[in-house]
Amino acid sequence: MPDHSYDTIVVGGGIAGLTSAVYLARGGQKVLLIEKNHELGGLVNSFTRDGFHFEAGVRALEDAGIIFPMLKDLNIELDVVKSHVSVGIGDEIVNIETIHDLQNYRELLVRIFPESESEIDHILKIIRKIMKHMEVLYGIENPVFKDLKSDRNYLFKKLLPWLPRFLFTVGKINRMNMPIEDYLKTIISNPSLRDMIAQHFFKNTPTFFALSYFSLYLDYFYPKGGVGKLADALKNKILEYGGEIRNATTIVEVLPGQSLVRDQNNHSYHYTNLIWANDLKTLYKIVATDGLLPKIKEKFEETKITMLKNRGGDSVFSLYLEVDEPLESFRKIANGHLFYTPSKTGLGEIHRKELDELLTNFEKVTNEQILNWLEKFTKYNTYEISIPGLKDPELVPEGKTGLIISLLAEYDLFKAIKKAGWLDTFTAELENQIINVISSSIYPMLKDKVIGRFSFTPLSIENRIGSSEGAIVGWSFEKSMPVVNKIQFSDRSVLTPIPSIYQAGQWAYSPAGVPMSILTGKLAADRIIKKMKK
């Protein structure tokens, strides 16, 4: 006999699982949300150390016509500020606060690459066109979060006039699916300039998704108290609506033939419907197909093969610094969310061909060779730097500053080095290299003012949020996509081969960020509520 029985069980307390659970609870369902960690939020999580507040995952949020409508629909008030972005190369910094700052970015690139002015103008023209597409895409509150029956004004004056423009724009978007690296080669001859534009994107990111980032820069906002306040607000609503939350619980087996899930302590929970808001590869590994109809079992096994042969996308290495220097010193240099490239040379093949060769021949490669590669990797990379205190001064002790410095990192490298037994040494050296590069360029005060430091590796991410290959946006763009990745079919992204099991989150749709995770969470909940009403 199961220990407990529920209308719906949601596995995964990240932002998608929280969204599903809150809407199901509001809809009158008996809901249980199960999360493997003590804290909720997944990659939308904040934490405190030594009085410094940091983000465990995303550094800021973008509305995308989804987050604010959801908050309004749930009657949640979240105190937020704009999270202004800066972009920098060497000693050139541009603040991106309005659409007009795109011209300043153009001038920055022309100053650094004067011989490529016409090509820069070409790519900027494309970015502006994509920004117009983004205005259409996210130009209205997402209808999934609106009550179309009661809000006739929205239906007739906004949604219906918008739909033809949306469908036309989607057609344009789908024609820009080429990997950004390949696309830029057709426009820009200088490889260093291509790197300045694209090297902080995930490998083989679709062109539209990559070049839409300027729109996202203008959309970024930050909840006062940290991004984790969004997860906290949803958690409180789940409890308010009568939902249950079980933390520190890992589901190790799913038995759809019996409508049961089982946790690490051998406790079982009965469900009518299940939403898997977690790593999809894990789901397909732990489902027992006994008792399923032959057709469903066959379809599940086919899908399982496809899922397991694909892999998670890029991961990230994040260095956290506690600095004995006031916020004002940093405010004079750039905004609190900065994409910074110390050298105009670019990575070239350092993070692709050279890294692939290291990994292919890892048994023969010396530690010194890897460290030599690491020095180049850190010197020519692009960093995402977040300073929470510049968005909310309450997040740091008086007179001090906390920084998060991140760069895209290869999970397989960290895994191989751990197996070789020198992960701690490698991680410490990577931290040293990053501090050396950043203190020798944009933030010289880091040379002797760092009073505390620690880091998260791709292995940390895999361990904490259960994300295959430590991926932070779901599936890799380098392989075939085993999930829905066209916006007009996003409602189908929540379906699995098993009718009582739904999927949500960054693994259910690609490419996925926080808004898409929220949307899939809501879509999965809506499917169940609609089904239960029949």
Protein backbone atom coordinates (compact mmCIF):
# COMPACT_ATOMS: atom_id res chain seq x y z
CA MET A 1 0.00 0.00 0.00
CA PRO A 2 1.28 3.50 -0.78
CA ASP A 3 2.14 5.77 2.15
CA HIS A 4 0.08 8.61 0.65
CA SER A 5 -2.27 9.27 -2.28
CA TYR A 6 -2.61 12.43 -4.40
CA ASP A 7 -4.47 13.76 -7.42
CA THR A 8 -1.16 15.00 -8.85
CA ILE A 9 2.44 14.58 -7.76
CA VAL A 10 4.98 17.06 -9.11
CA VAL A 11 8.60 15.88 -9.03
CA GLY A 12 11.12 18.72 -9.05
CA GLY A 13 10.87 21.92 -7.03
CA GLY A 14 12.53 24.19 -9.57
CA ILE A 15 10.60 27.05 -11.13
CA ALA A 16 8.60 24.75 -13.47
CA GLY A 17 7.57 22.39 -10.69
CA LEU A 18 6.61 25.28 -8.44
CA THR A 19 4.46 26.74 -11.22
CA SER A 20 2.69 23.44 -11.89
CA ALA A 21 2.05 22.83 -8.19
CA VAL A 22 0.66 26.30 -7.49
CA TYR A 23 -1.83 26.15 -10.37
CA LEU A 24 -2.92 22.61 -9.53
CA ALA A 25 -3.41 23.54 -5.88
CA ARG A 26 -5.37 26.62 -6.89
CA GLY A 27 -7.49 24.39 -9.12
CA GLY A 28 -8.54 22.34 -6.11
CA GLN A 29 -6.27 19.35 -6.65
CA LYS A 30 -4.66 17.41 -3.82
CA VAL A 31 -1.05 18.12 -4.80
CA LEU A 32 2.34 16.99 -3.54
CA LEU A 33 5.54 18.71 -4.71
CA ILE A 34 8.65 16.58 -4.16
CA GLU A 35 12.13 18.15 -4.19
CA LYS A 36 15.48 16.40 -3.64
CA ASN A 37 17.12 19.41 -1.95
CA HIS A 38 16.25 21.13 1.30
CA GLU A 39 15.66 24.38 -0.60
CA LEU A 40 13.35 25.03 -3.55
CA GLY A 41 13.91 26.96 -6.77
CA GLY A 42 16.55 24.89 -8.58
CA LEU A 43 18.46 27.40 -10.70
CA VAL A 44 16.18 30.20 -9.44
CA ASN A 45 17.65 30.24 -5.97
CA SER A 46 19.52 32.67 -3.71
CA PHE A 47 21.65 31.92 -0.67
CA THR A 48 23.69 33.77 1.96
CA ARG A 49 27.29 33.29 3.07
CA ASP A 50 29.19 35.52 5.52
CA GLY A 51 26.46 38.14 5.17
CA PHE A 52 26.81 38.23 1.34
CA HIS A 53 23.76 37.25 -0.75
CA PHE A 54 24.45 35.34 -3.96
CA GLU A 55 22.51 33.59 -6.75
CA ALA A 56 22.94 29.84 -7.12
CA GLY A 57 21.75 29.91 -10.74
CA VAL A 58 20.30 32.64 -12.94
CA ARG A 59 21.60 36.14 -12.16
CA ALA A 60 18.46 38.03 -13.21
CA LEU A 61 15.05 37.30 -14.72
CA GLU A 62 13.36 38.32 -17.95
CA ASP A 63 9.60 38.75 -18.12
CA ALA A 64 9.10 37.59 -21.75
CA GLY A 65 5.38 38.33 -21.37
CA ILE A 66 5.17 35.41 -18.92
CA ILE A 67 6.50 36.16 -15.41
CA PHE A 68 4.60 39.36 -14.67
CA PRO A 69 1.29 37.98 -16.04
CA MET A 70 1.77 34.90 -13.86
CA LEU A 71 2.43 37.02 -10.76
CA LYS A 72 -0.63 39.14 -11.52
CA ASP A 73 -2.78 36.05 -12.08
CA LEU A 74 -1.67 34.57 -8.74
CA ASN A 75 -2.01 37.89 -6.93
CA ILE A 76 1.67 37.86 -5.95
CA GLU A 77 3.43 41.15 -5.30
CA LEU A 78 7.15 41.02 -5.94
CA ASP A 79 9.30 44.07 -5.32
CA VAL A 80 11.59 44.31 -8.36
CA VAL A 81 14.16 46.65 -9.91
CA LYS A 82 15.58 46.82 -13.43
CA SER A 83 18.74 44.76 -13.83
CA HIS A 84 20.71 46.94 -16.22
CA VAL A 85 23.34 45.21 -18.36
CA SER A 86 26.74 46.39 -19.51
CA VAL A 87 28.86 44.89 -22.29
CA GLY A 88 32.62 45.30 -22.31
CA ILE A 89 35.69 44.39 -24.35
CA GLY A 90 39.07 45.30 -22.86
CA ASP A 91 38.77 48.79 -21.40
CA GLU A 92 35.69 49.65 -23.48
CA ILE A 93 32.39 49.39 -21.57
CA VAL A 94 28.90 50.17 -22.88
CA ASN A 95 25.79 50.30 -20.72
CA ILE A 96 22.73 48.75 -22.41
CA GLU A 97 19.72 50.47 -20.85
CA THR A 98 17.56 51.47 -23.83
CA ILE A 99 17.28 50.35 -27.46
CA HIS A 100 19.33 53.43 -28.44
CA ASP A 101 22.36 51.93 -26.67
CA LEU A 102 22.63 49.43 -29.50
CA GLN A 103 24.25 52.29 -31.42
CA ASN A 104 26.83 52.65 -28.63
CA TYR A 105 27.56 48.94 -28.91
CA ARG A 106 28.04 49.37 -32.65
CA GLU A 107 30.53 52.17 -32.03
CA LEU A 108 32.41 50.06 -29.48
CA LEU A 109 32.83 47.26 -32.04
CA VAL A 110 33.90 49.72 -34.75
CA ARG A 111 36.54 51.25 -32.44
CA ILE A 112 38.00 47.80 -31.80
CA PHE A 113 37.54 46.41 -35.34
CA PRO A 114 37.58 49.50 -37.65
CA GLU A 115 38.36 47.38 -40.70
CA SER A 116 35.06 45.50 -40.22
CA GLU A 117 32.71 48.48 -40.04
CA SER A 118 30.46 47.42 -42.91
CA GLU A 119 30.14 43.87 -41.50
CA ILE A 120 29.33 45.29 -38.06
CA ASP A 121 26.59 47.41 -39.61
CA HIS A 122 25.25 44.31 -41.33
CA ILE A 123 25.03 42.26 -38.12
CA LEU A 124 23.55 45.20 -36.19
CA LYS A 125 20.85 45.51 -38.83
CA ILE A 126 19.98 41.83 -38.28
CA ILE A 127 19.96 42.29 -34.49
CA ARG A 128 17.53 45.21 -34.87
CA LYS A 129 15.28 43.09 -37.07
CA ILE A 130 15.32 40.30 -34.47
CA MET A 131 14.49 42.83 -31.75
CA LYS A 132 11.37 43.75 -33.73
CA HIS A 133 10.47 40.06 -33.94
CA MET A 134 10.93 39.83 -30.16
CA GLU A 135 8.56 42.76 -29.67
CA VAL A 136 5.92 40.72 -31.48
CA LEU A 137 6.81 37.46 -29.71
CA TYR A 138 6.61 38.89 -26.21
CA GLY A 139 4.59 41.97 -27.05
CA ILE A 140 1.48 40.96 -25.12
CA GLU A 141 0.80 39.18 -21.85
CA ASN A 142 0.96 35.46 -22.62
CA PRO A 143 -2.61 34.19 -23.12
CA VAL A 144 -1.86 31.05 -21.07
CA PHE A 145 -2.03 33.25 -17.96
CA LYS A 146 -5.24 35.08 -18.94
CA ASP A 147 -8.87 34.14 -18.41
CA LEU A 148 -10.08 34.56 -21.98
CA LYS A 149 -13.74 33.95 -21.08
CA SER A 150 -13.93 36.87 -18.66
CA ASP A 151 -11.32 39.21 -20.16
CA ARG A 152 -13.05 39.98 -23.45
CA ASN A 153 -11.17 43.24 -23.86
CA TYR A 154 -7.83 41.37 -23.90
CA LEU A 155 -9.25 38.71 -26.23
CA PHE A 156 -10.62 41.05 -28.91
CA LYS A 157 -8.36 44.08 -28.64
CA LYS A 158 -5.01 42.38 -27.98
CA LEU A 159 -4.91 38.65 -28.60
CA LEU A 160 -6.84 38.32 -31.86
CA PRO A 161 -5.08 41.25 -33.62
CA TRP A 162 -1.73 39.88 -32.36
CA LEU A 163 -2.13 36.28 -33.58
CA PRO A 164 -1.53 36.87 -37.33
CA ARG A 165 1.60 38.90 -36.52
CA PHE A 166 2.74 36.15 -34.16
CA LEU A 167 2.34 33.41 -36.78
CA PHE A 168 4.15 35.50 -39.40
CA THR A 169 7.00 36.17 -36.94
CA VAL A 170 7.27 32.50 -35.96
CA GLY A 171 7.86 31.69 -39.62
CA LYS A 172 10.76 34.15 -39.67
CA ILE A 173 12.17 32.71 -36.43
CA ASN A 174 12.09 29.14 -37.70
CA ARG A 175 14.19 30.17 -40.71
CA MET A 176 16.95 31.37 -38.36
CA ASN A 177 17.72 27.98 -36.80
CA MET A 178 21.30 27.75 -38.11
CA PRO A 179 23.97 27.60 -35.35
CA ILE A 180 25.12 31.13 -34.57
CA GLU A 181 28.79 30.30 -35.30
CA ASP A 182 27.96 29.11 -38.83
CA TYR A 183 25.61 32.02 -39.44
CA LEU A 184 28.19 34.62 -38.45
CA LYS A 185 30.72 33.07 -40.85
CA THR A 186 28.42 34.04 -43.72
CA ILE A 187 28.49 37.69 -42.63
CA ILE A 188 31.72 38.41 -40.73
CA SER A 189 35.16 37.55 -42.04
CA ASN A 190 37.17 38.44 -38.90
CA PRO A 191 37.12 35.42 -36.53
CA SER A 192 37.92 37.58 -33.50
CA LEU A 193 34.90 39.80 -34.19
CA ARG A 194 32.73 36.70 -34.55
CA ASP A 195 33.98 35.55 -31.15
CA MET A 196 33.19 38.90 -29.54
CA ILE A 197 29.59 38.53 -30.63
CA ALA A 198 29.03 34.82 -30.07
CA GLN A 199 31.49 33.13 -27.72
CA HIS A 200 29.38 33.60 -24.58
CA PHE A 201 26.50 31.66 -26.14
CA PHE A 202 26.09 27.91 -25.79
CA LYS A 203 27.74 25.88 -28.54
CA ASN A 204 25.59 25.77 -31.68
CA THR A 205 22.92 28.08 -30.23
CA PRO A 206 20.25 28.76 -32.89
CA THR A 207 20.86 32.15 -34.49
CA PHE A 208 17.55 33.72 -33.53
CA PHE A 209 17.92 32.70 -29.89
CA ALA A 210 21.50 34.04 -29.77
CA LEU A 211 20.91 37.38 -31.47
CA SER A 212 17.73 38.02 -29.47
CA TYR A 213 19.87 38.65 -26.41
CA PHE A 214 19.84 42.41 -26.83
CA SER A 215 16.10 42.34 -26.34
CA LEU A 216 16.59 40.23 -23.23
CA TYR A 217 19.19 42.67 -21.86
CA LEU A 218 16.51 45.38 -21.92
CA ASP A 219 13.99 43.02 -20.29
CA TYR A 220 16.08 41.87 -17.31
CA PHE A 221 14.73 42.59 -13.85
CA TYR A 222 15.80 41.60 -10.35
CA PRO A 223 13.62 40.87 -7.31
CA LYS A 224 14.78 42.78 -4.24
CA GLY A 225 16.33 40.21 -1.94
CA GLY A 226 17.54 38.05 -4.84
CA VAL A 227 16.02 35.92 -7.62
CA GLY A 228 15.13 33.29 -5.03
CA LYS A 229 12.29 35.58 -3.89
CA LEU A 230 10.32 34.40 -6.94
CA ALA A 231 10.62 30.76 -5.82
CA ASP A 232 9.74 31.76 -2.24
CA ALA A 233 6.58 33.55 -3.41
CA LEU A 234 5.40 30.51 -5.39
CA LYS A 235 6.16 28.17 -2.48
CA ASN A 236 4.06 30.32 -0.13
CA LYS A 237 1.16 30.31 -2.61
CA ILE A 238 1.27 26.50 -2.91
CA LEU A 239 0.95 26.21 0.86
CA GLU A 240 -1.75 28.90 0.94
CA TYR A 241 -3.81 26.89 -1.58
CA GLY A 242 -3.41 23.71 0.48
CA GLY A 243 -0.66 22.00 -1.53
CA GLU A 244 1.97 19.86 0.21
CA ILE A 245 5.74 20.13 -0.22
CA ARG A 246 8.19 17.38 0.68
CA ASN A 247 11.84 18.47 0.67
CA ALA A 248 15.02 16.37 0.86
CA THR A 249 13.23 13.57 -0.98
CA THR A 250 14.59 11.88 -4.10
CA ILE A 251 12.33 9.83 -6.35
CA VAL A 252 14.26 6.70 -7.35
CA GLU A 253 11.53 4.73 -9.15
CA VAL A 254 8.41 5.55 -11.17
CA LEU A 255 5.85 2.76 -11.60
CA PRO A 256 3.16 4.08 -13.99
CA GLY A 257 1.49 0.65 -14.18
CA GLN A 258 0.61 1.07 -10.50
CA SER A 259 0.47 4.92 -10.54
CA LEU A 260 3.22 5.03 -7.90
CA VAL A 261 6.51 6.80 -7.29
CA ARG A 262 9.02 5.57 -4.72
CA ASP A 263 11.61 7.64 -2.84
CA GLN A 264 15.08 6.89 -1.46
CA ASN A 265 13.60 5.68 1.85
CA ASN A 266 11.32 3.19 0.05
CA HIS A 267 8.23 5.29 0.77
CA SER A 268 5.70 5.11 -2.05
CA TYR A 269 3.19 7.74 -3.17
CA HIS A 270 0.11 7.11 -5.32
CA TYR A 271 -0.86 9.57 -8.05
CA THR A 272 -3.59 9.96 -10.62
CA ASN A 273 -1.33 12.25 -12.67
CA LEU A 274 2.40 12.89 -12.44
CA ILE A 275 4.35 15.95 -13.62
CA TRP A 276 8.07 15.36 -14.03
CA ALA A 277 9.65 18.81 -13.70
CA ASN A 278 13.15 17.45 -13.55
CA ASP A 279 15.93 15.98 -15.66
CA LEU A 280 14.26 13.94 -18.42
CA LYS A 281 17.10 11.46 -18.83
CA THR A 282 16.65 10.55 -15.17
CA LEU A 283 12.93 9.94 -15.70
CA TYR A 284 13.52 7.54 -18.57
CA LYS A 285 16.12 5.65 -16.54
CA ILE A 286 13.87 5.06 -13.51
CA VAL A 287 10.49 4.27 -15.11
CA ALA A 288 9.44 0.64 -14.72
CA THR A 289 7.20 -0.23 -17.68
CA ASP A 290 5.56 -3.31 -16.10
CA GLY A 291 1.79 -3.15 -16.44
CA LEU A 292 1.73 -0.64 -19.31
CA LEU A 293 -0.24 -1.40 -22.47
CA PRO A 294 2.04 -2.85 -25.22
CA LYS A 295 1.63 0.19 -27.53
CA ILE A 296 2.45 2.65 -24.74
CA LYS A 297 5.40 0.56 -23.61
CA GLU A 298 6.78 0.37 -27.16
CA LYS A 299 6.46 4.13 -27.68
CA PHE A 300 8.09 4.77 -24.29
CA GLU A 301 11.07 2.53 -25.12
CA GLU A 302 11.54 4.27 -28.50
CA THR A 303 11.48 7.68 -26.83
CA LYS A 304 13.85 6.46 -24.11
CA ILE A 305 16.48 5.50 -26.69
CA THR A 306 16.24 8.98 -28.25
CA MET A 307 16.45 10.74 -24.87
CA LEU A 308 19.41 8.77 -23.55
CA LYS A 309 21.52 9.09 -26.71
CA ASN A 310 21.30 12.89 -26.46
CA ARG A 311 23.04 14.96 -23.83
CA GLY A 312 22.68 18.07 -21.76
CA GLY A 313 23.94 21.39 -23.08
CA ASP A 314 26.75 23.56 -21.83
CA SER A 315 27.39 23.95 -18.16
CA VAL A 316 28.93 26.81 -16.23
CA PHE A 317 31.71 27.46 -13.73
CA SER A 318 30.90 30.19 -11.20
CA LEU A 319 33.38 31.91 -8.91
CA TYR A 320 31.93 33.69 -5.87
CA LEU A 321 33.99 36.50 -4.36
CA GLU A 322 33.57 38.43 -1.11
CA VAL A 323 35.46 41.69 -1.55
CA ASP A 324 36.52 44.31 1.01
CA GLU A 325 35.68 47.20 -1.31
CA PRO A 326 32.53 49.38 -1.36
CA LEU A 327 29.89 48.99 -4.06
CA GLU A 328 30.57 52.50 -5.33
CA SER A 329 33.99 51.45 -6.69
CA PHE A 330 32.30 48.90 -8.92
CA ARG A 331 29.32 51.11 -9.81
CA LYS A 332 31.71 53.62 -11.43
CA ILE A 333 32.91 50.95 -13.85
CA ALA A 334 29.81 49.06 -15.05
CA ASN A 335 26.27 47.99 -14.22
CA GLY A 336 25.57 45.11 -11.86
CA HIS A 337 25.14 42.62 -14.72
CA LEU A 338 28.12 42.66 -17.07
CA PHE A 339 29.15 40.55 -20.07
CA TYR A 340 32.89 41.15 -20.28
CA THR A 341 35.65 39.98 -22.62
CA PRO A 342 39.13 41.04 -21.43
CA SER A 343 40.84 40.44 -24.79
CA LYS A 344 39.65 41.24 -28.32
CA THR A 345 41.49 38.16 -29.65
CA GLY A 346 38.68 35.70 -28.93
CA LEU A 347 38.76 32.01 -28.05
CA GLY A 348 39.06 30.73 -31.60
CA GLU A 349 39.35 26.93 -31.34
CA ILE A 350 40.52 26.90 -27.70
CA HIS A 351 37.15 25.75 -26.32
CA ARG A 352 36.32 23.50 -29.26
CA LYS A 353 39.05 21.77 -31.29
CA GLU A 354 41.80 22.15 -28.66
CA LEU A 355 39.53 21.03 -25.82
CA ASP A 356 38.19 18.11 -27.86
CA GLU A 357 41.78 16.96 -28.50
CA LEU A 358 42.57 17.17 -24.78
CA LEU A 359 39.51 15.11 -23.89
CA THR A 360 40.04 12.56 -26.69
CA ASN A 361 43.64 11.94 -25.59
CA PHE A 362 43.09 12.58 -21.88
CA GLU A 363 45.02 9.49 -20.69
CA LYS A 364 48.15 10.75 -22.48
CA VAL A 365 47.78 14.46 -21.61
CA THR A 366 49.86 15.84 -18.74
CA ASN A 367 48.49 18.08 -16.00
CA GLU A 368 50.82 20.80 -17.26
CA GLN A 369 49.29 20.65 -20.75
CA ILE A 370 45.81 21.05 -19.27
CA LEU A 371 46.91 24.02 -17.16
CA ASN A 372 48.54 25.63 -20.21
CA TRP A 373 45.23 25.25 -22.04
CA LEU A 374 43.41 26.67 -19.01
CA GLU A 375 45.55 29.82 -19.07
CA LYS A 376 44.48 30.55 -22.66
CA PHE A 377 40.88 29.58 -21.94
CA THR A 378 40.57 32.12 -19.12
CA LYS A 379 42.55 34.85 -20.90
CA TYR A 380 40.43 34.96 -24.06
CA ASN A 381 37.00 34.02 -22.68
CA THR A 382 33.85 36.06 -22.08
CA TYR A 383 32.60 36.37 -18.50
CA GLU A 384 29.18 37.01 -17.07
CA ILE A 385 29.72 39.11 -13.94
CA SER A 386 26.91 39.77 -11.50
CA ILE A 387 27.08 42.11 -8.52
CA PRO A 388 23.89 41.61 -6.47
CA GLY A 389 24.63 44.65 -4.27
CA LEU A 390 24.44 47.01 -7.27
CA LYS A 391 20.83 45.88 -7.73
CA ASP A 392 19.94 45.78 -4.03
CA PRO A 393 22.46 47.30 -1.56
CA GLU A 394 20.86 45.32 1.28
CA LEU A 395 22.50 42.16 -0.10
CA VAL A 396 26.02 42.91 1.12
CA PRO A 397 27.63 43.98 4.39
CA GLU A 398 28.32 47.71 4.68
CA GLY A 399 31.36 48.79 2.69
CA LYS A 400 31.79 45.44 0.94
CA THR A 401 30.87 43.86 -2.42
CA GLY A 402 29.96 40.35 -3.55
CA LEU A 403 30.68 39.23 -7.12
CA ILE A 404 29.68 36.18 -9.14
CA ILE A 405 31.99 35.61 -12.11
CA SER A 406 30.86 32.87 -14.51
CA LEU A 407 32.00 31.32 -17.75
CA LEU A 408 30.70 28.45 -19.85
CA ALA A 409 32.51 25.24 -18.91
CA GLU A 410 32.78 21.70 -20.25
CA TYR A 411 31.30 19.08 -17.93
CA ASP A 412 33.38 16.26 -19.46
CA LEU A 413 36.64 18.05 -18.59
CA PHE A 414 35.73 18.38 -14.92
CA LYS A 415 34.53 14.79 -14.82
CA ALA A 416 37.78 13.51 -16.34
CA ILE A 417 39.91 15.60 -13.98
CA LYS A 418 37.92 14.38 -10.97
CA LYS A 419 38.47 10.78 -12.09
CA ALA A 420 42.19 11.55 -12.42
CA GLY A 421 42.21 12.71 -8.79
CA TRP A 422 43.15 16.39 -9.00
CA LEU A 423 39.82 18.25 -9.22
CA ASP A 424 40.49 20.42 -6.14
CA THR A 425 43.86 21.52 -7.54
CA PHE A 426 42.37 22.27 -10.95
CA THR A 427 39.43 24.20 -9.47
CA ALA A 428 41.73 26.29 -7.27
CA GLU A 429 43.92 27.09 -10.29
CA LEU A 430 40.85 28.06 -12.36
CA GLU A 431 39.76 30.40 -9.55
CA ASN A 432 43.26 31.92 -9.45
CA GLN A 433 43.34 32.39 -13.22
CA ILE A 434 39.94 34.11 -13.27
CA ILE A 435 40.91 36.48 -10.46
CA ASN A 436 44.19 37.23 -12.24
CA VAL A 437 42.47 37.96 -15.59
CA ILE A 438 39.68 40.13 -14.13
CA SER A 439 41.97 42.02 -11.71
CA SER A 440 44.42 42.71 -14.54
CA SER A 441 41.63 44.26 -16.62
CA ILE A 442 38.30 45.64 -15.47
CA TYR A 443 38.40 45.31 -11.66
CA PRO A 444 41.97 45.96 -10.43
CA MET A 445 40.70 46.13 -6.81
CA LEU A 446 40.36 42.33 -6.84
CA LYS A 447 44.15 41.96 -6.64
CA ASP A 448 44.31 42.35 -2.89
CA LYS A 449 40.78 42.95 -1.61
CA VAL A 450 39.27 39.44 -1.89
CA ILE A 451 38.44 38.26 1.66
CA GLY A 452 36.51 35.11 0.75
CA ARG A 453 35.99 32.90 -2.28
CA PHE A 454 34.37 29.64 -3.35
CA SER A 455 33.07 28.17 -6.60
CA PHE A 456 30.49 25.90 -8.22
CA THR A 457 31.61 23.57 -11.00
CA PRO A 458 29.51 21.68 -13.58
CA LEU A 459 29.77 18.71 -11.22
CA SER A 460 28.30 20.84 -8.40
CA ILE A 461 25.33 21.71 -10.64
CA GLU A 462 24.78 18.07 -11.62
CA ASN A 463 24.91 17.04 -7.96
CA ARG A 464 22.65 19.78 -6.63
CA ILE A 465 19.88 20.00 -9.23
CA GLY A 466 20.23 16.53 -10.77
CA SER A 467 20.88 17.97 -14.20
CA SER A 468 22.51 15.56 -16.69
CA GLU A 469 25.99 16.80 -17.67
CA GLY A 470 25.44 19.78 -15.35
CA ALA A 471 23.41 21.44 -18.12
CA ILE A 472 21.77 24.79 -17.35
CA VAL A 473 19.34 25.08 -20.31
CA GLY A 474 18.45 21.46 -20.93
CA TRP A 475 19.56 19.81 -24.15
CA SER A 476 22.73 20.37 -26.14
CA PHE A 477 22.31 22.20 -29.44
CA GLU A 478 25.14 20.10 -30.90
CA LYS A 479 22.96 17.00 -31.24
CA SER A 480 19.45 16.33 -32.52
CA MET A 481 16.75 17.81 -30.30
CA PRO A 482 14.67 15.08 -28.56
CA VAL A 483 11.96 17.53 -27.44
CA VAL A 484 9.70 20.19 -28.96
CA ASN A 485 11.65 23.28 -30.02
CA LYS A 486 9.16 25.26 -32.08
CA ILE A 487 7.25 27.93 -30.17
CA GLN A 488 3.95 27.31 -32.01
CA PHE A 489 3.96 23.71 -30.73
CA SER A 490 5.00 24.48 -27.15
CA ASP A 491 1.72 23.12 -25.77
CA ARG A 492 2.78 19.66 -26.98
CA SER A 493 6.09 19.86 -25.14
CA VAL A 494 4.51 18.66 -21.88
CA LEU A 495 3.30 15.30 -23.27
CA THR A 496 5.12 11.99 -22.72
CA PRO A 497 4.36 8.53 -24.17
CA ILE A 498 2.58 7.65 -20.90
CA PRO A 499 -0.81 9.42 -20.72
CA SER A 500 -0.74 9.95 -16.94
CA ILE A 501 2.79 11.45 -16.95
CA TYR A 502 3.57 14.99 -18.10
CA GLN A 503 6.89 16.82 -18.34
CA ALA A 504 7.78 20.43 -17.62
CA GLY A 505 10.82 22.68 -17.28
CA GLN A 506 14.05 23.31 -19.11
CA TRP A 507 14.25 19.71 -20.38
CA ALA A 508 10.71 19.71 -21.82
CA TYR A 509 11.25 22.44 -24.42
CA SER A 510 14.39 23.77 -26.06
CA PRO A 511 15.90 26.32 -25.90
CA ALA A 512 14.59 26.99 -22.41
CA GLY A 513 15.10 29.72 -19.84
CA VAL A 514 13.09 30.66 -16.79
CA PRO A 515 10.02 32.00 -18.72
CA MET A 516 9.76 28.84 -20.83
CA SER A 517 10.13 26.66 -17.74
CA ILE A 518 7.26 28.58 -16.14
CA LEU A 519 5.16 28.30 -19.29
CA THR A 520 5.60 24.53 -19.54
CA GLY A 521 4.79 24.21 -15.84
CA LYS A 522 1.52 26.04 -16.41
CA LEU A 523 0.72 24.11 -19.61
CA ALA A 524 1.19 20.78 -17.81
CA ALA A 525 -1.07 21.89 -14.96
CA ASP A 526 -3.72 23.12 -17.41
CA ARG A 527 -3.74 19.76 -19.24
CA ILE A 528 -4.39 17.91 -15.99
CA ILE A 529 -7.07 20.31 -14.74
CA LYS A 530 -8.86 20.11 -18.09
CA LYS A 531 -8.63 16.30 -18.12
CA MET A 532 -9.95 15.99 -14.56
CA LYS A 533 -12.99 18.14 -15.42
CA LYS A 534 -14.11 15.77 -18.18
